[in-house]
Amino acid sequence: MRAVQITESGGPEVLVVDLPGPVPGDGRQLHEVSAAGVNDADTRHRLSRD
């Protein structure tokens, strides 16, 4: 599964990582997410600005 993960400084090329797919626990369901948003706080954190 591809995911966006902030683990180091850099450009967009360091954001996308490959992770093993999630496995739902007993009594849980797994839902596919096709889109997600990024808000201003995420952008400022990524750019290391306040």
C-alpha atoms as a PDB file:
ATOM      1  CA  MET A   1       0.000   0.000   0.000  1.00  0.00           C
ATOM      2  CA  ARG A   2       1.253   3.492  -0.770  1.00  0.00           C
ATOM      3  CA  ALA A   3       1.017   6.036   2.031  1.00  0.00           C
ATOM      4  CA  VAL A   4       2.145   9.571   2.810  1.00  0.00           C
ATOM      5  CA  GLN A   5       4.450   9.622   5.821  1.00  0.00           C
ATOM      6  CA  ILE A   6       6.598  12.468   7.163  1.00  0.00           C
ATOM      7  CA  THR A   7       9.831  10.889   8.398  1.00  0.00           C
ATOM      8  CA  GLU A   8      12.452  13.346   7.119  1.00  0.00           C
ATOM      9  CA  SER A   9      12.864  16.756   5.528  1.00  0.00           C
ATOM     10  CA  GLY A  10      12.824  17.066   1.779  1.00  0.00           C
ATOM     11  CA  GLY A  11      10.594  17.470  -1.217  1.00  0.00           C
ATOM     12  CA  PRO A  12       7.564  15.485  -2.288  1.00  0.00           C
ATOM     13  CA  GLU A  13       9.747  12.525  -3.244  1.00  0.00           C
ATOM     14  CA  VAL A  14      10.365  11.644   0.440  1.00  0.00           C
ATOM     15  CA  LEU A  15       6.668  11.689   1.396  1.00  0.00           C
ATOM     16  CA  VAL A  16       5.305   8.611  -0.386  1.00  0.00           C
ATOM     17  CA  VAL A  17       6.317   5.269   1.135  1.00  0.00           C
ATOM     18  CA  ASP A  18       5.321   1.650   0.561  1.00  0.00           C
ATOM     19  CA  LEU A  19       3.865  -0.071   3.635  1.00  0.00           C
ATOM     20  CA  PRO A  20       2.281  -3.475   4.200  1.00  0.00           C
ATOM     21  CA  GLY A  21      -1.497  -3.384   3.866  1.00  0.00           C
ATOM     22  CA  PRO A  22      -3.544  -3.100   7.060  1.00  0.00           C
ATOM     23  CA  VAL A  23      -5.278  -6.156   8.482  1.00  0.00           C
ATOM     24  CA  PRO A  24      -8.570  -5.552  10.301  1.00  0.00           C
ATOM     25  CA  GLY A  25      -8.957  -7.078  13.757  1.00  0.00           C
ATOM     26  CA  ASP A  26     -11.870  -9.185  14.950  1.00  0.00           C
ATOM     27  CA  GLY A  27     -15.164  -7.346  14.563  1.00  0.00           C
ATOM     28  CA  ARG A  28     -13.539  -4.569  12.495  1.00  0.00           C
ATOM     29  CA  GLN A  29     -13.918  -3.556   8.848  1.00  0.00           C
ATOM     30  CA  LEU A  30     -11.355  -2.205   6.409  1.00  0.00           C
ATOM     31  CA  HIS A  31     -12.439   0.725   4.207  1.00  0.00           C
ATOM     32  CA  GLU A  32     -10.645   1.928   1.097  1.00  0.00           C
ATOM     33  CA  VAL A  33      -9.771   5.633   1.033  1.00  0.00           C
ATOM     34  CA  SER A  34      -9.491   7.092  -2.460  1.00  0.00           C
ATOM     35  CA  ALA A  35      -8.737  10.709  -1.520  1.00  0.00           C
ATOM     36  CA  ALA A  36      -7.588  12.751   1.466  1.00  0.00           C
ATOM     37  CA  GLY A  37      -7.104  16.429   2.168  1.00  0.00           C
ATOM     38  CA  VAL A  38      -4.136  18.416   3.425  1.00  0.00           C
ATOM     39  CA  ASN A  39      -4.767  21.456   5.573  1.00  0.00           C
ATOM     40  CA  ASP A  40      -2.665  24.557   6.243  1.00  0.00           C
ATOM     41  CA  ALA A  41      -1.259  23.181   9.519  1.00  0.00           C
ATOM     42  CA  ASP A  42       0.065  20.106   7.682  1.00  0.00           C
ATOM     43  CA  THR A  43       1.731  22.330   5.087  1.00  0.00           C
ATOM     44  CA  ARG A  44       3.339  24.561   7.717  1.00  0.00           C
ATOM     45  CA  HIS A  45       4.592  21.521   9.648  1.00  0.00           C
ATOM     46  CA  ARG A  46       6.085  20.078   6.459  1.00  0.00           C
ATOM     47  CA  LEU A  47       7.806  23.372   5.678  1.00  0.00           C
ATOM     48  CA  SER A  48       8.986  23.733   9.329  1.00  0.00           C
ATOM     49  CA  ARG A  49       7.339  27.157   9.632  1.00  0.00           C
ATOM     50  CA  ASP A  50       5.072  28.532  12.343  1.00  0.00           C
END
